[in-house]
C-alpha atoms as a PDB file:
ATOM      1  CA  UNK A   1     -63.024  -8.177-122.749  1.00  0.00           C
ATOM      2  CA  UNK A   2     -66.727  -7.113-123.448  1.00  0.00           C
ATOM      3  CA  UNK A   3     -67.724  -5.230-126.390  1.00  0.00           C
ATOM      4  CA  UNK A   4     -68.296  -1.447-126.415  1.00  0.00           C
ATOM      5  CA  UNK A   5     -72.106  -1.605-126.614  1.00  0.00           C
ATOM      6  CA  UNK A   6     -72.472  -4.136-124.020  1.00  0.00           C
ATOM      7  CA  UNK A   7     -70.153  -2.535-121.577  1.00  0.00           C
ATOM      8  CA  UNK A   8     -71.997   1.015-121.935  1.00  0.00           C
ATOM      9  CA  UNK A   9     -75.461  -0.763-121.392  1.00  0.00           C
ATOM     10  CA  UNK A  10     -74.188  -2.533-118.354  1.00  0.00           C
ATOM     11  CA  UNK A  11     -72.663   0.426-116.757  1.00  0.00           C
ATOM     12  CA  UNK A  12     -75.948   2.454-117.424  1.00  0.00           C
ATOM     13  CA  UNK A  13     -77.801  -0.325-115.817  1.00  0.00           C
ATOM     14  CA  UNK A  14     -75.452  -0.248-112.796  1.00  0.00           C
ATOM     15  CA  UNK A  15     -75.531   3.371-112.550  1.00  0.00           C
ATOM     16  CA  UNK A  16     -79.483   3.261-112.445  1.00  0.00           C
ATOM     17  CA  UNK A  17     -79.418   0.383-109.815  1.00  0.00           C
ATOM     18  CA  UNK A  18     -77.098   2.409-107.416  1.00  0.00           C
ATOM     19  CA  UNK A  19     -78.878   5.579-107.997  1.00  0.00           C
ATOM     20  CA  UNK A  20     -82.218   3.840-106.679  1.00  0.00           C
ATOM     21  CA  UNK A  21     -80.541   2.660-104.058  1.00  0.00           C
ATOM     22  CA  UNK A  22     -78.640   5.846-102.921  1.00  0.00           C
ATOM     23  CA  UNK A  23     -81.219   7.321-100.883  1.00  0.00           C
ATOM     24  CA  UNK A  24     -81.267   4.411 -98.513  1.00  0.00           C
ATOM     25  CA  UNK A  25     -77.668   3.202 -98.815  1.00  0.00           C
ATOM     26  CA  UNK A  26     -76.193   4.875 -95.585  1.00  0.00           C
ATOM     27  CA  UNK A  27     -79.209   3.641 -93.687  1.00  0.00           C
ATOM     28  CA  UNK A  28     -78.974   0.004 -94.873  1.00  0.00           C
ATOM     29  CA  UNK A  29     -75.291  -0.241 -94.437  1.00  0.00           C
ATOM     30  CA  UNK A  30     -73.819   2.147 -91.857  1.00  0.00           C
ATOM     31  CA  UNK A  31     -75.141   0.066 -88.876  1.00  0.00           C
ATOM     32  CA  UNK A  32     -73.787  -3.209 -90.080  1.00  0.00           C
ATOM     33  CA  UNK A  33     -70.975  -4.331 -87.636  1.00  0.00           C
ATOM     34  CA  UNK A  34     -69.111  -6.540 -90.263  1.00  0.00           C
ATOM     35  CA  UNK A  35     -69.236  -3.895 -92.917  1.00  0.00           C
ATOM     36  CA  UNK A  36     -67.937  -1.182 -90.311  1.00  0.00           C
ATOM     37  CA  UNK A  37     -65.149  -3.773 -89.706  1.00  0.00           C
ATOM     38  CA  UNK A  38     -64.383  -4.034 -93.456  1.00  0.00           C
ATOM     39  CA  UNK A  39     -64.279  -0.235 -93.841  1.00  0.00           C
ATOM     40  CA  UNK A  40     -61.704   0.063 -90.658  1.00  0.00           C
ATOM     41  CA  UNK A  41     -59.553  -2.494 -92.130  1.00  0.00           C
ATOM     42  CA  UNK A  42     -59.592  -1.006 -95.741  1.00  0.00           C
ATOM     43  CA  UNK A  43     -58.763   2.495 -94.172  1.00  0.00           C
ATOM     44  CA  UNK A  44     -56.082   1.256 -91.943  1.00  0.00           C
ATOM     45  CA  UNK A  45     -54.550  -0.394 -95.120  1.00  0.00           C
ATOM     46  CA  UNK A  46     -54.656   2.893 -97.002  1.00  0.00           C
ATOM     47  CA  UNK A  47     -53.512   5.189 -94.341  1.00  0.00           C
ATOM     48  CA  UNK A  48     -50.255   3.084 -93.762  1.00  0.00           C
ATOM     49  CA  UNK A  49     -49.490   4.055 -97.549  1.00  0.00           C
ATOM     50  CA  UNK A  50     -50.744   7.698 -97.581  1.00  0.00           C
ATOM     51  CA  UNK A  51     -48.147  10.590 -97.168  1.00  0.00           C
ATOM     52  CA  UNK A  52     -49.637  13.639 -95.260  1.00  0.00           C
ATOM     53  CA  UNK A  53     -51.595  15.940 -97.339  1.00  0.00           C
ATOM     54  CA  UNK A  54     -52.130  13.647-100.235  1.00  0.00           C
ATOM     55  CA  UNK A  55     -54.377  14.156-103.278  1.00  0.00           C
ATOM     56  CA  UNK A  56     -56.647  11.221-103.861  1.00  0.00           C
ATOM     57  CA  UNK A  57     -58.676  10.037-106.890  1.00  0.00           C
ATOM     58  CA  UNK A  58     -61.579   7.920-105.609  1.00  0.00           C
ATOM     59  CA  UNK A  59     -63.348   5.590-108.109  1.00  0.00           C
ATOM     60  CA  UNK A  60     -67.049   4.206-107.315  1.00  0.00           C
ATOM     61  CA  UNK A  61     -67.197   6.980-104.495  1.00  0.00           C
ATOM     62  CA  UNK A  62     -70.739   6.121-103.504  1.00  0.00           C
ATOM     63  CA  UNK A  63     -72.218   8.308-100.819  1.00  0.00           C
ATOM     64  CA  UNK A  64     -68.869   9.684 -99.860  1.00  0.00           C
ATOM     65  CA  UNK A  65     -68.230   7.567 -96.631  1.00  0.00           C
ATOM     66  CA  UNK A  66     -64.402   7.057 -97.534  1.00  0.00           C
ATOM     67  CA  UNK A  67     -63.964  10.383 -99.207  1.00  0.00           C
ATOM     68  CA  UNK A  68     -65.180  12.365 -95.785  1.00  0.00           C
ATOM     69  CA  UNK A  69     -62.841   9.890 -93.690  1.00  0.00           C
ATOM     70  CA  UNK A  70     -59.747  10.937 -95.886  1.00  0.00           C
ATOM     71  CA  UNK A  71     -60.764  14.530 -95.864  1.00  0.00           C
ATOM     72  CA  UNK A  72     -60.808  14.622 -92.002  1.00  0.00           C
ATOM     73  CA  UNK A  73     -57.505  12.805 -92.069  1.00  0.00           C
ATOM     74  CA  UNK A  74     -56.267  15.882 -93.898  1.00  0.00           C
ATOM     75  CA  UNK A  75     -56.091  14.644 -97.433  1.00  0.00           C
ATOM     76  CA  UNK A  76     -57.756  15.997-100.719  1.00  0.00           C
ATOM     77  CA  UNK A  77     -60.241  13.586-102.403  1.00  0.00           C
ATOM     78  CA  UNK A  78     -61.600  13.998-105.932  1.00  0.00           C
ATOM     79  CA  UNK A  79     -64.648  11.686-105.374  1.00  0.00           C
ATOM     80  CA  UNK A  80     -65.845  10.121-108.935  1.00  0.00           C
ATOM     81  CA  UNK A  81     -68.774   7.801-109.674  1.00  0.00           C
ATOM     82  CA  UNK A  82     -71.060   7.162-112.561  1.00  0.00           C
ATOM     83  CA  UNK A  83     -74.321   7.017-110.437  1.00  0.00           C
ATOM     84  CA  UNK A  84     -75.902  10.567-110.376  1.00  0.00           C
ATOM     85  CA  UNK A  85     -77.843   9.512-107.367  1.00  0.00           C
ATOM     86  CA  UNK A  86     -74.851   8.522-105.425  1.00  0.00           C
ATOM     87  CA  UNK A  87     -73.192  11.909-106.492  1.00  0.00           C
ATOM     88  CA  UNK A  88     -76.095  13.773-105.222  1.00  0.00           C
ATOM     89  CA  UNK A  89     -76.132  12.435-101.914  1.00  0.00           C
ATOM     90  CA  UNK A  90     -72.352  12.573-101.657  1.00  0.00           C
ATOM     91  CA  UNK A  91     -72.630  16.346-102.700  1.00  0.00           C
ATOM     92  CA  UNK A  92     -75.072  16.960 -99.668  1.00  0.00           C
ATOM     93  CA  UNK A  93     -72.789  15.270 -97.256  1.00  0.00           C
ATOM     94  CA  UNK A  94     -69.520  16.932 -98.307  1.00  0.00           C
ATOM     95  CA  UNK A  95     -71.043  20.575 -98.726  1.00  0.00           C
ATOM     96  CA  UNK A  96     -69.186  21.845 -95.845  1.00  0.00           C
ATOM     97  CA  UNK A  97     -65.940  20.095 -96.763  1.00  0.00           C
ATOM     98  CA  UNK A  98     -65.625  21.561-100.437  1.00  0.00           C
ATOM     99  CA  UNK A  99     -61.924  22.680 -99.726  1.00  0.00           C
ATOM    100  CA  UNK A 100     -61.028  18.855 -99.369  1.00  0.00           C
ATOM    101  CA  UNK A 101     -63.680  16.894-101.376  1.00  0.00           C
ATOM    102  CA  UNK A 102     -64.401  17.616-105.146  1.00  0.00           C
ATOM    103  CA  UNK A 103     -66.785  15.583-107.035  1.00  0.00           C
ATOM    104  CA  UNK A 104     -66.978  14.338-110.692  1.00  0.00           C
ATOM    105  CA  UNK A 105     -69.585  12.097-112.319  1.00  0.00           C
ATOM    106  CA  UNK A 106     -67.292   9.910-114.552  1.00  0.00           C
ATOM    107  CA  UNK A 107     -66.945   6.230-115.348  1.00  0.00           C
ATOM    108  CA  UNK A 108     -63.884   4.617-114.305  1.00  0.00           C
ATOM    109  CA  UNK A 109     -63.746   3.161-117.946  1.00  0.00           C
ATOM    110  CA  UNK A 110     -63.581   6.753-119.040  1.00  0.00           C
ATOM    111  CA  UNK A 111     -60.988   8.452-116.849  1.00  0.00           C
ATOM    112  CA  UNK A 112     -59.280   9.887-119.914  1.00  0.00           C
ATOM    113  CA  UNK A 113     -62.641  12.100-119.786  1.00  0.00           C
ATOM    114  CA  UNK A 114     -62.181  13.463-116.443  1.00  0.00           C
ATOM    115  CA  UNK A 115     -61.893  17.072-116.110  1.00  0.00           C
ATOM    116  CA  UNK A 116     -59.600  16.706-113.161  1.00  0.00           C
ATOM    117  CA  UNK A 117     -56.806  14.891-114.508  1.00  0.00           C
ATOM    118  CA  UNK A 118     -54.336  15.425-111.202  1.00  0.00           C
ATOM    119  CA  UNK A 119     -52.007  14.075-111.190  1.00  0.00           C
ATOM    120  CA  UNK A 120     -52.690  12.535-108.010  1.00  0.00           C
ATOM    121  CA  UNK A 121     -50.827  10.790-105.216  1.00  0.00           C
ATOM    122  CA  UNK A 122     -53.092   7.836-104.757  1.00  0.00           C
ATOM    123  CA  UNK A 123     -55.986   6.057-106.506  1.00  0.00           C
ATOM    124  CA  UNK A 124     -58.595   4.164-104.406  1.00  0.00           C
ATOM    125  CA  UNK A 125     -61.232   2.080-105.241  1.00  0.00           C
ATOM    126  CA  UNK A 126     -63.370   0.409-102.301  1.00  0.00           C
ATOM    127  CA  UNK A 127     -65.866  -2.652-101.998  1.00  0.00           C
ATOM    128  CA  UNK A 128     -65.754  -4.252-105.582  1.00  0.00           C
ATOM    129  CA  UNK A 129     -66.963  -1.236-107.513  1.00  0.00           C
ATOM    130  CA  UNK A 130     -64.547  -2.434-110.160  1.00  0.00           C
ATOM    131  CA  UNK A 131     -66.195  -5.547-110.482  1.00  0.00           C
ATOM    132  CA  UNK A 132     -68.922  -3.803-112.281  1.00  0.00           C
ATOM    133  CA  UNK A 133     -66.922  -3.915-115.598  1.00  0.00           C
ATOM    134  CA  UNK A 134     -65.590  -6.489-118.034  1.00  0.00           C
ATOM    135  CA  UNK A 135     -62.989  -4.126-118.870  1.00  0.00           C
ATOM    136  CA  UNK A 136     -60.817  -3.923-115.879  1.00  0.00           C
ATOM    137  CA  UNK A 137     -57.485  -4.259-117.672  1.00  0.00           C
ATOM    138  CA  UNK A 138     -58.703  -0.887-119.497  1.00  0.00           C
ATOM    139  CA  UNK A 139     -59.374   0.707-116.314  1.00  0.00           C
ATOM    140  CA  UNK A 140     -55.992  -0.377-114.804  1.00  0.00           C
ATOM    141  CA  UNK A 141     -53.958   0.782-117.967  1.00  0.00           C
ATOM    142  CA  UNK A 142     -55.476   4.229-117.595  1.00  0.00           C
ATOM    143  CA  UNK A 143     -53.960   5.049-114.352  1.00  0.00           C
ATOM    144  CA  UNK A 144     -50.581   6.077-115.483  1.00  0.00           C
ATOM    145  CA  UNK A 145     -51.286   9.294-116.571  1.00  0.00           C
ATOM    146  CA  UNK A 146     -53.304  10.278-113.826  1.00  0.00           C
ATOM    147  CA  UNK A 147     -50.646   9.340-110.992  1.00  0.00           C
ATOM    148  CA  UNK A 148     -47.516  11.109-110.000  1.00  0.00           C
ATOM    149  CA  UNK A 149     -44.006   9.339-110.227  1.00  0.00           C
ATOM    150  CA  UNK A 150     -44.169   6.829-107.204  1.00  0.00           C
ATOM    151  CA  UNK A 151     -47.917   7.459-106.895  1.00  0.00           C
ATOM    152  CA  UNK A 152     -49.742   4.453-105.246  1.00  0.00           C
ATOM    153  CA  UNK A 153     -53.138   2.742-106.297  1.00  0.00           C
ATOM    154  CA  UNK A 154     -55.227   0.751-103.624  1.00  0.00           C
ATOM    155  CA  UNK A 155     -58.100  -1.421-105.023  1.00  0.00           C
ATOM    156  CA  UNK A 156     -60.535  -3.609-102.991  1.00  0.00           C
ATOM    157  CA  UNK A 157     -61.967  -6.312-105.379  1.00  0.00           C
ATOM    158  CA  UNK A 158     -64.137  -9.454-105.153  1.00  0.00           C
ATOM    159  CA  UNK A 159     -61.981 -12.476-106.216  1.00  0.00           C
ATOM    160  CA  UNK A 160     -63.272 -15.638-107.782  1.00  0.00           C
ATOM    161  CA  UNK A 161     -62.949 -17.556-104.725  1.00  0.00           C
ATOM    162  CA  UNK A 162     -64.174 -16.900-100.939  1.00  0.00           C
ATOM    163  CA  UNK A 163     -63.861 -19.609 -98.449  1.00  0.00           C
ATOM    164  CA  UNK A 164     -67.012 -18.689 -96.541  1.00  0.00           C
ATOM    165  CA  UNK A 165     -69.031 -18.577 -99.607  1.00  0.00           C
ATOM    166  CA  UNK A 166     -68.052 -22.006-100.988  1.00  0.00           C
ATOM    167  CA  UNK A 167     -68.774 -23.517 -97.570  1.00  0.00           C
ATOM    168  CA  UNK A 168     -72.388 -22.366 -97.910  1.00  0.00           C
ATOM    169  CA  UNK A 169     -72.723 -25.540 -99.884  1.00  0.00           C
ATOM    170  CA  UNK A 170     -73.161 -27.519 -96.603  1.00  0.00           C
ATOM    171  CA  UNK A 171     -76.325 -25.439 -95.801  1.00  0.00           C
ATOM    172  CA  UNK A 172     -77.717 -26.475 -99.316  1.00  0.00           C
ATOM    173  CA  UNK A 173     -77.126 -22.918-100.941  1.00  0.00           C
ATOM    174  CA  UNK A 174     -75.701 -24.276-103.884  1.00  0.00           C
ATOM    175  CA  UNK A 175     -76.528 -21.226-106.292  1.00  0.00           C
ATOM    176  CA  UNK A 176     -74.649 -18.785-103.678  1.00  0.00           C
ATOM    177  CA  UNK A 177     -71.804 -21.323-103.015  1.00  0.00           C
ATOM    178  CA  UNK A 178     -70.837 -21.714-106.710  1.00  0.00           C
ATOM    179  CA  UNK A 179     -71.964 -18.363-108.175  1.00  0.00           C
ATOM    180  CA  UNK A 180     -68.135 -17.156-108.690  1.00  0.00           C
ATOM    181  CA  UNK A 181     -67.109 -20.408-110.383  1.00  0.00           C
ATOM    182  CA  UNK A 182     -67.311 -20.390-114.177  1.00  0.00           C
ATOM    183  CA  UNK A 183     -68.204 -16.501-114.375  1.00  0.00           C
ATOM    184  CA  UNK A 184     -65.798 -15.388-116.964  1.00  0.00           C
ATOM    185  CA  UNK A 185     -68.606 -13.896-119.038  1.00  0.00           C
ATOM    186  CA  UNK A 186     -69.970 -12.177-115.759  1.00  0.00           C
ATOM    187  CA  UNK A 187     -72.740 -13.108-113.284  1.00  0.00           C
ATOM    188  CA  UNK A 188     -75.992 -11.228-113.155  1.00  0.00           C
ATOM    189  CA  UNK A 189     -76.613  -9.143-109.867  1.00  0.00           C
ATOM    190  CA  UNK A 190     -79.654  -7.057-109.177  1.00  0.00           C
ATOM    191  CA  UNK A 191     -80.276  -3.926-106.848  1.00  0.00           C
ATOM    192  CA  UNK A 192     -83.436  -2.315-106.408  1.00  0.00           C
ATOM    193  CA  UNK A 193     -85.122  -4.497-109.136  1.00  0.00           C
ATOM    194  CA  UNK A 194     -82.557  -3.421-111.711  1.00  0.00           C
ATOM    195  CA  UNK A 195     -80.203  -6.191-113.268  1.00  0.00           C
ATOM    196  CA  UNK A 196     -76.711  -5.855-114.368  1.00  0.00           C
ATOM    197  CA  UNK A 197     -73.497  -8.028-114.635  1.00  0.00           C
ATOM    198  CA  UNK A 198     -70.492  -8.300-112.422  1.00  0.00           C
ATOM    199  CA  UNK A 199     -67.045 -10.159-112.954  1.00  0.00           C
ATOM    200  CA  UNK A 200     -64.675 -11.498-110.421  1.00  0.00           C
ATOM    201  CA  UNK A 201     -60.946 -11.012-110.675  1.00  0.00           C
ATOM    202  CA  UNK A 202     -57.954 -12.672-108.885  1.00  0.00           C
ATOM    203  CA  UNK A 203     -54.966 -10.694-107.477  1.00  0.00           C
ATOM    204  CA  UNK A 204     -53.080 -12.108-110.378  1.00  0.00           C
ATOM    205  CA  UNK A 205     -55.054 -10.348-113.238  1.00  0.00           C
ATOM    206  CA  UNK A 206     -54.517  -6.985-111.367  1.00  0.00           C
ATOM    207  CA  UNK A 207     -50.639  -7.588-110.949  1.00  0.00           C
ATOM    208  CA  UNK A 208     -50.115  -9.020-114.469  1.00  0.00           C
ATOM    209  CA  UNK A 209     -51.798  -6.241-116.172  1.00  0.00           C
ATOM    210  CA  UNK A 210     -49.626  -3.837-114.364  1.00  0.00           C
ATOM    211  CA  UNK A 211     -46.406  -5.607-113.892  1.00  0.00           C
ATOM    212  CA  UNK A 212     -44.594  -3.705-116.283  1.00  0.00           C
ATOM    213  CA  UNK A 213     -44.971  -0.236-114.314  1.00  0.00           C
ATOM    214  CA  UNK A 214     -46.081  -1.031-110.853  1.00  0.00           C
ATOM    215  CA  UNK A 215     -44.737  -3.049-108.116  1.00  0.00           C
ATOM    216  CA  UNK A 216     -46.989  -4.856-105.396  1.00  0.00           C
ATOM    217  CA  UNK A 217     -46.582  -3.071-101.894  1.00  0.00           C
ATOM    218  CA  UNK A 218     -49.544  -4.762-100.165  1.00  0.00           C
ATOM    219  CA  UNK A 219     -51.831  -7.491-100.578  1.00  0.00           C
ATOM    220  CA  UNK A 220     -54.329  -8.965 -97.932  1.00  0.00           C
ATOM    221  CA  UNK A 221     -57.634 -10.855 -97.919  1.00  0.00           C
ATOM    222  CA  UNK A 222     -60.644  -9.162 -96.427  1.00  0.00           C
ATOM    223  CA  UNK A 223     -63.409 -11.359 -94.983  1.00  0.00           C
ATOM    224  CA  UNK A 224     -61.373 -14.596 -95.043  1.00  0.00           C
ATOM    225  CA  UNK A 225     -62.092 -15.852 -91.424  1.00  0.00           C
ATOM    226  CA  UNK A 226     -64.632 -13.205 -90.548  1.00  0.00           C
ATOM    227  CA  UNK A 227     -67.871 -13.927 -92.609  1.00  0.00           C
ATOM    228  CA  UNK A 228     -69.167 -11.734 -95.527  1.00  0.00           C
ATOM    229  CA  UNK A 229     -71.838  -9.107 -94.536  1.00  0.00           C
ATOM    230  CA  UNK A 230     -74.492 -10.841 -96.174  1.00  0.00           C
ATOM    231  CA  UNK A 231     -74.551 -13.366 -93.354  1.00  0.00           C
ATOM    232  CA  UNK A 232     -76.737 -10.980 -91.550  1.00  0.00           C
ATOM    233  CA  UNK A 233     -76.584 -10.741 -87.713  1.00  0.00           C
ATOM    234  CA  UNK A 234     -73.450 -13.064 -87.189  1.00  0.00           C
ATOM    235  CA  UNK A 235     -71.600 -10.476 -85.138  1.00  0.00           C
ATOM    236  CA  UNK A 236     -74.600  -9.775 -83.023  1.00  0.00           C
ATOM    237  CA  UNK A 237     -75.580 -13.698 -82.518  1.00  0.00           C
ATOM    238  CA  UNK A 238     -71.935 -14.689 -82.038  1.00  0.00           C
ATOM    239  CA  UNK A 239     -69.996 -11.936 -80.467  1.00  0.00           C
ATOM    240  CA  UNK A 240     -67.381 -13.995 -78.876  1.00  0.00           C
ATOM    241  CA  UNK A 241     -66.739 -16.148 -82.021  1.00  0.00           C
ATOM    242  CA  UNK A 242     -66.752 -12.829 -84.096  1.00  0.00           C
ATOM    243  CA  UNK A 243     -64.339 -11.385 -81.609  1.00  0.00           C
ATOM    244  CA  UNK A 244     -62.096 -14.377 -82.143  1.00  0.00           C
ATOM    245  CA  UNK A 245     -62.351 -14.693 -85.786  1.00  0.00           C
ATOM    246  CA  UNK A 246     -61.257 -10.819 -86.178  1.00  0.00           C
ATOM    247  CA  UNK A 247     -58.244 -11.458 -84.080  1.00  0.00           C
ATOM    248  CA  UNK A 248     -57.099 -14.428 -86.267  1.00  0.00           C
ATOM    249  CA  UNK A 249     -58.089 -12.638 -89.651  1.00  0.00           C
ATOM    250  CA  UNK A 250     -55.987  -9.486 -88.634  1.00  0.00           C
ATOM    251  CA  UNK A 251     -52.954 -11.691 -87.810  1.00  0.00           C
ATOM    252  CA  UNK A 252     -53.170 -13.739 -90.951  1.00  0.00           C
ATOM    253  CA  UNK A 253     -54.632 -11.267 -93.326  1.00  0.00           C
ATOM    254  CA  UNK A 254     -51.556 -11.084 -95.709  1.00  0.00           C
ATOM    255  CA  UNK A 255     -50.297 -14.607 -95.205  1.00  0.00           C
ATOM    256  CA  UNK A 256     -50.905 -17.562 -97.742  1.00  0.00           C
ATOM    257  CA  UNK A 257     -53.401 -18.970 -98.299  1.00  0.00           C
ATOM    258  CA  UNK A 258     -55.728 -16.565 -96.370  1.00  0.00           C
ATOM    259  CA  UNK A 259     -55.095 -13.563 -98.577  1.00  0.00           C
ATOM    260  CA  UNK A 260     -56.480 -15.232-101.516  1.00  0.00           C
ATOM    261  CA  UNK A 261     -59.720 -16.657 -99.831  1.00  0.00           C
ATOM    262  CA  UNK A 262     -61.702 -13.581 -98.654  1.00  0.00           C
ATOM    263  CA  UNK A 263     -64.910 -12.272 -99.806  1.00  0.00           C
ATOM    264  CA  UNK A 264     -62.683  -9.364-101.131  1.00  0.00           C
ATOM    265  CA  UNK A 265     -58.734  -8.922-101.434  1.00  0.00           C
ATOM    266  CA  UNK A 266     -57.091  -5.545-100.799  1.00  0.00           C
ATOM    267  CA  UNK A 267     -54.122  -4.749-103.124  1.00  0.00           C
ATOM    268  CA  UNK A 268     -51.798  -1.770-103.162  1.00  0.00           C
ATOM    269  CA  UNK A 269     -49.343  -1.206-105.659  1.00  0.00           C
ATOM    270  CA  UNK A 270     -46.747   1.518-106.473  1.00  0.00           C
ATOM    271  CA  UNK A 271     -45.748   3.271-109.808  1.00  0.00           C
ATOM    272  CA  UNK A 272     -42.201   2.744-110.532  1.00  0.00           C
END
């Protein structure tokens, strides 16, 4: 657990970093084949667990790509983020969907301050946003009052081990290969010249923190066989290999040991 002042400073730094990137975020990532694969996988996972016309609380909503997707699918999304830059882009993108998408600037470590307290049918966080806090237990334990009875949670989190990343040791990239190891105090990341810390969490951390009030209803690895998206151009350079790896990952995504070896894991839990 980090102390309050350190946590607050780190959140401010992360917010500044993502605000700087917000104006180019979609341009950078929208055309990335592997990111599009990841988004499709996450959305499929969530849709399988959403009832029609669900109300969703989205954490670290970014520029609103997922909020818009779920709105188009007939759901109501309350999109939250601590980054003012991300929220400004999201506001512009969702202006014509205000009946389905609402916005609020709020840290996921201070969900008790949300003006819209729900209750919601589903809480959703994508692509490792929750790795930007050393207080994930605090975030998880704040879900109870925001969820309806039987409500669900889907989180996409970066774990402490990634098969592809570790194999980079054979290419001499030792720093990248071992950056998730020995990182209990957080590892420094940087975006657009701004530095902040991130932490890695395994599925067991989420499960153990929520075990008294939640049951696991889904767990799968993401980018276990398909390489991480930062290995640029892989899908374009090796289209047949990429297609083969997608087939195998989609088949084995929720099997041991693959569900524990991805660049991310997708976990869904249901409130008892």
